[in-house]
Amino acid sequence: MLKTLANAALFQCGWFACVLGGDSGWLLVGLAALAIHLLWISSWARDGRLILGVTLLGTLVDSVLRNLGFFQFNEPGPLIPFWLIVLWALLATTLRHCLAWSTQPWWRAALLGAVGGPMSYYAGSQLAGVSFGYALWPSLFGLALLWAVLFVLMARAARKN
C-alpha cells in the first residue's frame, strides 16, 4: 500500500514539475520521480518495456496531434517537448501500480481515459503555455474519444508481462 501511494505521489510531483517547469531544471524532478519508481517501487526489468512502449506511443500520438495543429506549443519542432515525453514515461509507471485497478474490466480503462486524459490536457494547457488549435469543447471531446482507446491499449499492455 505504501508503494502504491508513493507511486501516485511521485507521478503527481513529476506531473507538476514537468508542466510548470517545462524543459527547465524542474525537469530533473520528473526524471528523479521516474528513477525513484524504478529503484524503489518497481524495476527496469519489471516496468521497462511498458515505460518505453507507452512513452513511444504517447510521443507519436501527441506529435501527430501537434503536427495536425491540435496542440500549439511555445517550443518549435515536429516532436512534442521533452517535458511531455517525460510525462508519458511517468504515466506508464502508474499503470501497474496506483492505476492497476483501472486495467480490468476494459471499460474502467476507457472511462478513466475518457475523463482523465482531457482533464489532464486542459489543466496542462492552463499551466504550461500549451494551447488547443481548435475550439475547446470539440478538442476535449476528441481527446476523450482518443484517450478512451489509448487507455484501454495501455491497460492491456500493463497486464502483460
N, C-alpha and C. Protein backbone atom coordinates (compact mmCIF):
# COMPACT_ATOMS: atom_id res chain seq x y z
N MET A 1 0.81 -1.20 0.00
CA MET A 1 0.00 0.00 0.00
C MET A 1 0.86 1.27 0.00
N LEU A 2 1.96 1.25 0.76
CA LEU A 2 2.84 2.40 0.83
C LEU A 2 3.45 2.70 -0.54
N LYS A 3 3.87 1.66 -1.24
CA LYS A 3 4.47 1.87 -2.56
C LYS A 3 3.43 2.36 -3.57
N THR A 4 2.19 1.94 -3.41
CA THR A 4 1.13 2.43 -4.30
C THR A 4 0.91 3.92 -4.09
N LEU A 5 0.85 4.33 -2.83
CA LEU A 5 0.70 5.76 -2.53
C LEU A 5 1.92 6.56 -2.98
N ALA A 6 3.09 5.98 -2.79
CA ALA A 6 4.31 6.65 -3.23
C ALA A 6 4.32 6.80 -4.75
N ASN A 7 3.84 5.78 -5.45
CA ASN A 7 3.77 5.85 -6.90
C ASN A 7 2.86 7.00 -7.35
N ALA A 8 1.70 7.12 -6.70
CA ALA A 8 0.78 8.21 -7.04
C ALA A 8 1.41 9.57 -6.72
N ALA A 9 2.07 9.68 -5.58
CA ALA A 9 2.71 10.95 -5.20
C ALA A 9 3.85 11.30 -6.15
N LEU A 10 4.64 10.32 -6.51
CA LEU A 10 5.74 10.58 -7.45
C LEU A 10 5.20 11.05 -8.80
N PHE A 11 4.12 10.42 -9.27
CA PHE A 11 3.53 10.85 -10.53
C PHE A 11 3.07 12.29 -10.43
N GLN A 12 2.36 12.63 -9.37
CA GLN A 12 1.85 14.00 -9.23
C GLN A 12 2.98 15.02 -9.12
N CYS A 13 4.02 14.70 -8.36
CA CYS A 13 5.17 15.61 -8.27
C CYS A 13 5.82 15.79 -9.63
N GLY A 14 5.99 14.68 -10.34
CA GLY A 14 6.57 14.75 -11.68
C GLY A 14 5.70 15.52 -12.65
N TRP A 15 4.38 15.30 -12.57
CA TRP A 15 3.45 16.00 -13.45
C TRP A 15 3.57 17.51 -13.26
N PHE A 16 3.49 17.94 -12.01
CA PHE A 16 3.58 19.38 -11.74
C PHE A 16 4.93 19.95 -12.14
N ALA A 17 6.00 19.25 -11.84
CA ALA A 17 7.34 19.74 -12.19
C ALA A 17 7.49 19.88 -13.70
N CYS A 18 7.01 18.89 -14.45
CA CYS A 18 7.13 18.94 -15.91
C CYS A 18 6.23 20.02 -16.51
N VAL A 19 4.98 20.07 -16.07
CA VAL A 19 4.03 21.01 -16.64
C VAL A 19 4.40 22.45 -16.28
N LEU A 20 4.74 22.68 -15.02
CA LEU A 20 5.07 24.05 -14.60
C LEU A 20 6.47 24.47 -15.01
N GLY A 21 7.40 23.52 -15.03
CA GLY A 21 8.79 23.85 -15.32
C GLY A 21 9.20 23.70 -16.77
N GLY A 22 8.42 22.93 -17.54
CA GLY A 22 8.79 22.71 -18.94
C GLY A 22 10.15 22.06 -19.06
N ASP A 23 10.90 22.50 -20.05
CA ASP A 23 12.23 21.93 -20.28
C ASP A 23 13.31 22.67 -19.49
N SER A 24 12.97 23.13 -18.29
CA SER A 24 13.93 23.81 -17.42
C SER A 24 14.54 22.80 -16.44
N GLY A 25 15.23 23.30 -15.46
CA GLY A 25 15.82 22.44 -14.45
C GLY A 25 14.81 21.64 -13.66
N TRP A 26 13.55 22.11 -13.64
CA TRP A 26 12.49 21.37 -12.95
C TRP A 26 12.25 19.99 -13.57
N LEU A 27 12.67 19.83 -14.80
CA LEU A 27 12.52 18.54 -15.46
C LEU A 27 13.26 17.44 -14.70
N LEU A 28 14.30 17.84 -13.96
CA LEU A 28 15.05 16.87 -13.15
C LEU A 28 14.17 16.24 -12.07
N VAL A 29 13.16 16.97 -11.59
CA VAL A 29 12.23 16.40 -10.61
C VAL A 29 11.44 15.27 -11.26
N GLY A 30 10.97 15.48 -12.47
CA GLY A 30 10.26 14.42 -13.19
C GLY A 30 11.14 13.22 -13.45
N LEU A 31 12.37 13.46 -13.85
CA LEU A 31 13.31 12.36 -14.09
C LEU A 31 13.66 11.65 -12.79
N ALA A 32 13.77 12.41 -11.69
CA ALA A 32 14.04 11.80 -10.39
C ALA A 32 12.86 10.93 -9.96
N ALA A 33 11.64 11.38 -10.20
CA ALA A 33 10.46 10.58 -9.87
C ALA A 33 10.48 9.26 -10.64
N LEU A 34 10.86 9.33 -11.89
CA LEU A 34 10.98 8.13 -12.71
C LEU A 34 12.06 7.20 -12.15
N ALA A 35 13.21 7.76 -11.78
CA ALA A 35 14.30 6.95 -11.22
C ALA A 35 13.91 6.32 -9.89
N ILE A 36 13.25 7.09 -9.03
CA ILE A 36 12.82 6.54 -7.72
C ILE A 36 11.84 5.39 -7.94
N HIS A 37 10.94 5.56 -8.90
CA HIS A 37 10.00 4.47 -9.21
C HIS A 37 10.77 3.21 -9.57
N LEU A 38 11.75 3.34 -10.45
CA LEU A 38 12.49 2.17 -10.93
C LEU A 38 13.40 1.58 -9.86
N LEU A 39 13.87 2.39 -8.93
CA LEU A 39 14.78 1.90 -7.89
C LEU A 39 14.06 1.37 -6.65
N TRP A 40 12.90 1.93 -6.32
CA TRP A 40 12.25 1.57 -5.07
C TRP A 40 10.91 0.87 -5.26
N ILE A 41 10.09 1.36 -6.16
CA ILE A 41 8.74 0.82 -6.30
C ILE A 41 8.71 -0.40 -7.21
N SER A 42 9.45 -0.35 -8.28
CA SER A 42 9.45 -1.44 -9.24
C SER A 42 10.88 -1.67 -9.70
N SER A 43 11.06 -1.97 -10.97
CA SER A 43 12.41 -2.15 -11.52
C SER A 43 12.33 -1.99 -13.03
N TRP A 44 13.49 -1.80 -13.63
CA TRP A 44 13.55 -1.72 -15.08
C TRP A 44 13.12 -3.04 -15.69
N ALA A 45 13.51 -4.15 -15.07
CA ALA A 45 13.15 -5.48 -15.59
C ALA A 45 11.63 -5.66 -15.59
N ARG A 46 10.96 -5.13 -14.59
CA ARG A 46 9.50 -5.30 -14.48
C ARG A 46 8.74 -4.30 -15.34
N ASP A 47 9.13 -3.02 -15.30
CA ASP A 47 8.34 -1.97 -15.96
C ASP A 47 9.01 -1.33 -17.17
N GLY A 48 10.24 -1.67 -17.44
CA GLY A 48 10.98 -1.00 -18.52
C GLY A 48 10.33 -1.07 -19.88
N ARG A 49 9.91 -2.24 -20.28
CA ARG A 49 9.29 -2.40 -21.60
C ARG A 49 7.99 -1.60 -21.69
N LEU A 50 7.20 -1.62 -20.61
CA LEU A 50 5.95 -0.87 -20.58
C LEU A 50 6.23 0.63 -20.66
N ILE A 51 7.20 1.10 -19.89
CA ILE A 51 7.55 2.53 -19.91
C ILE A 51 8.00 2.95 -21.30
N LEU A 52 8.87 2.18 -21.92
CA LEU A 52 9.32 2.51 -23.28
C LEU A 52 8.16 2.50 -24.28
N GLY A 53 7.33 1.48 -24.21
CA GLY A 53 6.22 1.38 -25.15
C GLY A 53 5.22 2.51 -25.02
N VAL A 54 4.84 2.82 -23.79
CA VAL A 54 3.88 3.91 -23.56
C VAL A 54 4.50 5.25 -23.95
N THR A 55 5.77 5.44 -23.62
CA THR A 55 6.44 6.69 -23.97
C THR A 55 6.51 6.87 -25.49
N LEU A 56 6.83 5.81 -26.21
CA LEU A 56 6.88 5.90 -27.67
C LEU A 56 5.49 6.14 -28.26
N LEU A 57 4.50 5.41 -27.76
CA LEU A 57 3.12 5.59 -28.24
C LEU A 57 2.66 7.03 -27.99
N GLY A 58 2.85 7.51 -26.78
CA GLY A 58 2.41 8.86 -26.43
C GLY A 58 3.13 9.93 -27.22
N THR A 59 4.43 9.74 -27.41
CA THR A 59 5.20 10.72 -28.19
C THR A 59 4.71 10.74 -29.63
N LEU A 60 4.43 9.58 -30.19
CA LEU A 60 3.92 9.51 -31.55
C LEU A 60 2.55 10.17 -31.67
N VAL A 61 1.63 9.80 -30.78
CA VAL A 61 0.27 10.34 -30.83
C VAL A 61 0.27 11.85 -30.65
N ASP A 62 0.95 12.33 -29.62
CA ASP A 62 0.95 13.78 -29.36
C ASP A 62 1.71 14.56 -30.43
N SER A 63 2.74 13.96 -31.00
CA SER A 63 3.47 14.63 -32.08
C SER A 63 2.61 14.73 -33.34
N VAL A 64 1.85 13.68 -33.63
CA VAL A 64 0.92 13.74 -34.77
C VAL A 64 -0.12 14.83 -34.51
N LEU A 65 -0.67 14.86 -33.30
CA LEU A 65 -1.67 15.89 -32.98
C LEU A 65 -1.05 17.28 -33.08
N ARG A 66 0.19 17.41 -32.66
CA ARG A 66 0.87 18.71 -32.78
C ARG A 66 0.99 19.11 -34.25
N ASN A 67 1.40 18.18 -35.08
CA ASN A 67 1.60 18.49 -36.50
C ASN A 67 0.28 18.72 -37.24
N LEU A 68 -0.81 18.23 -36.69
CA LEU A 68 -2.14 18.50 -37.26
C LEU A 68 -2.71 19.82 -36.76
N GLY A 69 -1.98 20.49 -35.89
CA GLY A 69 -2.41 21.77 -35.36
C GLY A 69 -3.33 21.66 -34.15
N PHE A 70 -3.47 20.45 -33.61
CA PHE A 70 -4.35 20.24 -32.46
C PHE A 70 -3.77 20.88 -31.21
N PHE A 71 -2.45 20.72 -31.02
CA PHE A 71 -1.74 21.35 -29.92
C PHE A 71 -0.78 22.38 -30.47
N GLN A 72 -0.62 23.46 -29.75
CA GLN A 72 0.33 24.50 -30.12
C GLN A 72 1.22 24.78 -28.92
N PHE A 73 2.51 24.51 -29.10
CA PHE A 73 3.50 24.67 -28.04
C PHE A 73 4.35 25.91 -28.31
N ASN A 74 4.94 26.43 -27.24
CA ASN A 74 5.87 27.56 -27.39
C ASN A 74 7.17 27.11 -28.05
N GLU A 75 7.55 25.86 -27.84
CA GLU A 75 8.79 25.32 -28.38
C GLU A 75 8.58 24.90 -29.85
N PRO A 76 9.51 25.26 -30.73
CA PRO A 76 9.38 24.85 -32.13
C PRO A 76 9.77 23.38 -32.32
N GLY A 77 9.37 22.81 -33.43
CA GLY A 77 9.80 21.47 -33.78
C GLY A 77 8.64 20.55 -34.10
N PRO A 78 8.94 19.43 -34.75
CA PRO A 78 7.90 18.48 -35.13
C PRO A 78 7.47 17.56 -33.99
N LEU A 79 8.37 17.34 -33.02
CA LEU A 79 8.04 16.47 -31.89
C LEU A 79 7.54 17.30 -30.72
N ILE A 80 6.86 16.63 -29.82
CA ILE A 80 6.42 17.29 -28.60
C ILE A 80 7.65 17.63 -27.76
N PRO A 81 7.53 18.60 -26.86
CA PRO A 81 8.66 18.95 -26.00
C PRO A 81 9.06 17.78 -25.09
N PHE A 82 10.32 17.81 -24.65
CA PHE A 82 10.85 16.72 -23.84
C PHE A 82 10.07 16.55 -22.54
N TRP A 83 9.60 17.65 -21.95
CA TRP A 83 8.86 17.54 -20.69
C TRP A 83 7.60 16.70 -20.86
N LEU A 84 6.97 16.77 -22.03
CA LEU A 84 5.76 15.98 -22.27
C LEU A 84 6.13 14.51 -22.52
N ILE A 85 7.27 14.27 -23.11
CA ILE A 85 7.75 12.89 -23.27
C ILE A 85 7.98 12.26 -21.90
N VAL A 86 8.58 13.03 -20.99
CA VAL A 86 8.79 12.54 -19.62
C VAL A 86 7.45 12.27 -18.94
N LEU A 87 6.45 13.10 -19.19
CA LEU A 87 5.12 12.85 -18.61
C LEU A 87 4.54 11.52 -19.07
N TRP A 88 4.75 11.19 -20.33
CA TRP A 88 4.28 9.89 -20.82
C TRP A 88 4.97 8.75 -20.08
N ALA A 89 6.28 8.89 -19.85
CA ALA A 89 7.02 7.86 -19.10
C ALA A 89 6.48 7.75 -17.67
N LEU A 90 6.21 8.89 -17.06
CA LEU A 90 5.67 8.89 -15.70
C LEU A 90 4.28 8.25 -15.66
N LEU A 91 3.46 8.53 -16.65
CA LEU A 91 2.14 7.89 -16.70
C LEU A 91 2.29 6.37 -16.77
N ALA A 92 3.24 5.91 -17.54
CA ALA A 92 3.45 4.46 -17.67
C ALA A 92 3.78 3.82 -16.32
N THR A 93 4.46 4.56 -15.44
CA THR A 93 4.81 3.98 -14.14
C THR A 93 3.59 3.73 -13.27
N THR A 94 2.47 4.35 -13.57
CA THR A 94 1.27 4.19 -12.74
C THR A 94 0.42 2.99 -13.14
N LEU A 95 0.60 2.49 -14.34
CA LEU A 95 -0.34 1.51 -14.89
C LEU A 95 -0.36 0.18 -14.14
N ARG A 96 0.77 -0.23 -13.58
CA ARG A 96 0.83 -1.47 -12.81
C ARG A 96 0.83 -1.21 -11.31
N HIS A 97 0.66 0.03 -10.94
CA HIS A 97 0.79 0.38 -9.53
C HIS A 97 -0.47 1.13 -9.07
N CYS A 98 -0.42 2.45 -8.96
CA CYS A 98 -1.58 3.16 -8.40
C CYS A 98 -2.81 3.14 -9.32
N LEU A 99 -2.63 2.90 -10.60
CA LEU A 99 -3.78 2.80 -11.51
C LEU A 99 -4.08 1.36 -11.94
N ALA A 100 -3.50 0.39 -11.25
CA ALA A 100 -3.73 -1.01 -11.61
C ALA A 100 -5.21 -1.38 -11.53
N TRP A 101 -5.95 -0.74 -10.64
CA TRP A 101 -7.39 -1.00 -10.50
C TRP A 101 -8.15 -0.71 -11.79
N SER A 102 -7.58 0.15 -12.64
CA SER A 102 -8.30 0.58 -13.84
C SER A 102 -8.08 -0.34 -15.04
N THR A 103 -7.23 -1.35 -14.91
CA THR A 103 -6.91 -2.16 -16.08
C THR A 103 -7.91 -3.25 -16.40
N GLN A 104 -8.77 -3.62 -15.44
CA GLN A 104 -9.80 -4.61 -15.69
C GLN A 104 -11.04 -4.27 -14.91
N PRO A 105 -12.21 -4.40 -15.44
CA PRO A 105 -12.51 -4.69 -16.84
C PRO A 105 -12.14 -3.52 -17.75
N TRP A 106 -12.19 -3.75 -19.04
CA TRP A 106 -11.72 -2.79 -20.02
C TRP A 106 -12.43 -1.45 -19.93
N TRP A 107 -13.70 -1.46 -19.54
CA TRP A 107 -14.47 -0.22 -19.52
C TRP A 107 -13.96 0.75 -18.46
N ARG A 108 -13.32 0.23 -17.40
CA ARG A 108 -12.72 1.14 -16.41
C ARG A 108 -11.60 1.96 -17.05
N ALA A 109 -10.78 1.27 -17.82
CA ALA A 109 -9.69 1.97 -18.52
C ALA A 109 -10.26 2.99 -19.50
N ALA A 110 -11.29 2.60 -20.22
CA ALA A 110 -11.90 3.52 -21.19
C ALA A 110 -12.49 4.74 -20.49
N LEU A 111 -13.18 4.51 -19.38
CA LEU A 111 -13.78 5.62 -18.64
C LEU A 111 -12.72 6.53 -18.04
N LEU A 112 -11.69 5.95 -17.44
CA LEU A 112 -10.62 6.75 -16.88
C LEU A 112 -9.92 7.56 -17.97
N GLY A 113 -9.67 6.94 -19.10
CA GLY A 113 -9.04 7.66 -20.21
C GLY A 113 -9.91 8.77 -20.74
N ALA A 114 -11.20 8.49 -20.90
CA ALA A 114 -12.13 9.48 -21.45
C ALA A 114 -12.28 10.70 -20.54
N VAL A 115 -12.16 10.50 -19.24
CA VAL A 115 -12.30 11.61 -18.30
C VAL A 115 -10.93 12.21 -17.95
N GLY A 116 -10.00 11.35 -17.56
CA GLY A 116 -8.70 11.82 -17.08
C GLY A 116 -7.81 12.42 -18.15
N GLY A 117 -7.84 11.85 -19.35
CA GLY A 117 -7.00 12.37 -20.42
C GLY A 117 -7.30 13.82 -20.75
N PRO A 118 -8.54 14.14 -21.12
CA PRO A 118 -8.87 15.54 -21.43
C PRO A 118 -8.66 16.48 -20.24
N MET A 119 -8.97 16.00 -19.02
CA MET A 119 -8.77 16.87 -17.85
C MET A 119 -7.29 17.21 -17.67
N SER A 120 -6.43 16.23 -17.87
CA SER A 120 -5.00 16.46 -17.73
C SER A 120 -4.50 17.43 -18.79
N TYR A 121 -4.95 17.27 -20.03
CA TYR A 121 -4.53 18.18 -21.10
C TYR A 121 -5.06 19.59 -20.85
N TYR A 122 -6.29 19.68 -20.38
CA TYR A 122 -6.85 21.00 -20.11
C TYR A 122 -6.07 21.69 -18.99
N ALA A 123 -5.83 20.96 -17.90
CA ALA A 123 -5.06 21.54 -16.79
C ALA A 123 -3.67 21.94 -17.27
N GLY A 124 -3.05 21.06 -18.04
CA GLY A 124 -1.73 21.37 -18.57
C GLY A 124 -1.73 22.59 -19.47
N SER A 125 -2.80 22.74 -20.26
CA SER A 125 -2.87 23.89 -21.16
C SER A 125 -2.98 25.19 -20.38
N GLN A 126 -3.59 25.13 -19.22
CA GLN A 126 -3.74 26.34 -18.40
C GLN A 126 -2.45 26.70 -17.68
N LEU A 127 -1.58 25.72 -17.48
CA LEU A 127 -0.37 25.94 -16.70
C LEU A 127 0.92 25.98 -17.51
N ALA A 128 0.92 25.39 -18.70
CA ALA A 128 2.18 25.16 -19.39
C ALA A 128 2.39 25.96 -20.67
N GLY A 129 1.53 26.87 -20.99
CA GLY A 129 1.74 27.61 -22.23
C GLY A 129 1.47 26.78 -23.47
N VAL A 130 0.59 25.81 -23.34
CA VAL A 130 0.17 24.99 -24.47
C VAL A 130 -1.26 25.40 -24.77
N SER A 131 -1.59 25.50 -26.04
CA SER A 131 -2.96 25.84 -26.37
C SER A 131 -3.52 24.84 -27.37
N PHE A 132 -4.82 24.77 -27.40
CA PHE A 132 -5.51 23.95 -28.37
C PHE A 132 -5.64 24.75 -29.65
N GLY A 133 -5.42 24.09 -30.77
CA GLY A 133 -5.52 24.76 -32.06
C GLY A 133 -6.93 24.87 -32.58
N TYR A 134 -7.86 24.21 -31.92
CA TYR A 134 -9.26 24.21 -32.33
C TYR A 134 -10.11 24.63 -31.13
N ALA A 135 -11.39 24.75 -31.32
CA ALA A 135 -12.29 25.15 -30.24
C ALA A 135 -12.17 24.19 -29.05
N LEU A 136 -12.36 24.72 -27.86
CA LEU A 136 -12.11 23.95 -26.64
C LEU A 136 -12.98 22.70 -26.52
N TRP A 137 -14.29 22.84 -26.60
CA TRP A 137 -15.16 21.69 -26.34
C TRP A 137 -15.02 20.58 -27.39
N PRO A 138 -14.94 20.89 -28.68
CA PRO A 138 -14.67 19.80 -29.63
C PRO A 138 -13.30 19.15 -29.40
N SER A 139 -12.32 19.96 -28.98
CA SER A 139 -11.00 19.41 -28.69
C SER A 139 -11.06 18.44 -27.52
N LEU A 140 -11.74 18.83 -26.46
CA LEU A 140 -11.85 17.96 -25.29
C LEU A 140 -12.64 16.69 -25.61
N PHE A 141 -13.68 16.82 -26.42
CA PHE A 141 -14.45 15.64 -26.82
C PHE A 141 -13.58 14.70 -27.65
N GLY A 142 -12.82 15.25 -28.59
CA GLY A 142 -11.91 14.43 -29.40
C GLY A 142 -10.87 13.74 -28.53
N LEU A 143 -10.33 14.47 -27.57
CA LEU A 143 -9.36 13.86 -26.65
C LEU A 143 -10.00 12.76 -25.82
N ALA A 144 -11.26 12.95 -25.42
CA ALA A 144 -11.95 11.92 -24.64
C ALA A 144 -12.07 10.63 -25.43
N LEU A 145 -12.43 10.74 -26.70
CA LEU A 145 -12.54 9.54 -27.54
C LEU A 145 -11.18 8.88 -27.73
N LEU A 146 -10.18 9.70 -28.04
CA LEU A 146 -8.83 9.19 -28.26
C LEU A 146 -8.29 8.52 -27.00
N TRP A 147 -8.45 9.19 -25.86
CA TRP A 147 -7.91 8.65 -24.62
C TRP A 147 -8.66 7.43 -24.12
N ALA A 148 -9.93 7.31 -24.44
CA ALA A 148 -10.64 6.08 -24.08
C ALA A 148 -9.97 4.89 -24.76
N VAL A 149 -9.62 5.05 -26.02
CA VAL A 149 -8.96 3.97 -26.76
C VAL A 149 -7.53 3.79 -26.27
N LEU A 150 -6.78 4.89 -26.11
CA LEU A 150 -5.39 4.80 -25.68
C LEU A 150 -5.27 4.12 -24.32
N PHE A 151 -6.15 4.47 -23.39
CA PHE A 151 -6.01 3.90 -22.05
C PHE A 151 -6.35 2.42 -22.05
N VAL A 152 -7.28 1.99 -22.88
CA VAL A 152 -7.55 0.56 -22.99
C VAL A 152 -6.32 -0.16 -23.54
N LEU A 153 -5.67 0.41 -24.53
CA LEU A 153 -4.45 -0.19 -25.09
C LEU A 153 -3.34 -0.24 -24.05
N MET A 154 -3.17 0.85 -23.30
CA MET A 154 -2.12 0.87 -22.28
C MET A 154 -2.43 -0.10 -21.15
N ALA A 155 -3.70 -0.21 -20.77
CA ALA A 155 -4.10 -1.15 -19.73
C ALA A 155 -3.82 -2.59 -20.17
N ARG A 156 -4.10 -2.87 -21.41
CA ARG A 156 -3.84 -4.21 -21.94
C ARG A 156 -2.34 -4.51 -21.92
N ALA A 157 -1.53 -3.53 -22.29
CA ALA A 157 -0.08 -3.70 -22.25
C ALA A 157 0.40 -3.89 -20.81
N ALA A 158 -0.20 -3.20 -19.88
CA ALA A 158 0.21 -3.30 -18.47
C ALA A 158 -0.09 -4.68 -17.88
N ARG A 159 -1.12 -5.32 -18.38
CA ARG A 159 -1.48 -6.65 -17.86
C ARG A 159 -0.54 -7.74 -18.37
N LYS A 160 0.14 -7.47 -19.46
CA LYS A 160 1.10 -8.45 -20.00
C LYS A 160 2.40 -8.36 -19.21
N ASN A 161 3.11 -9.46 -19.16
CA ASN A 161 4.41 -9.43 -18.51
C ASN A 161 5.39 -8.94 -19.47
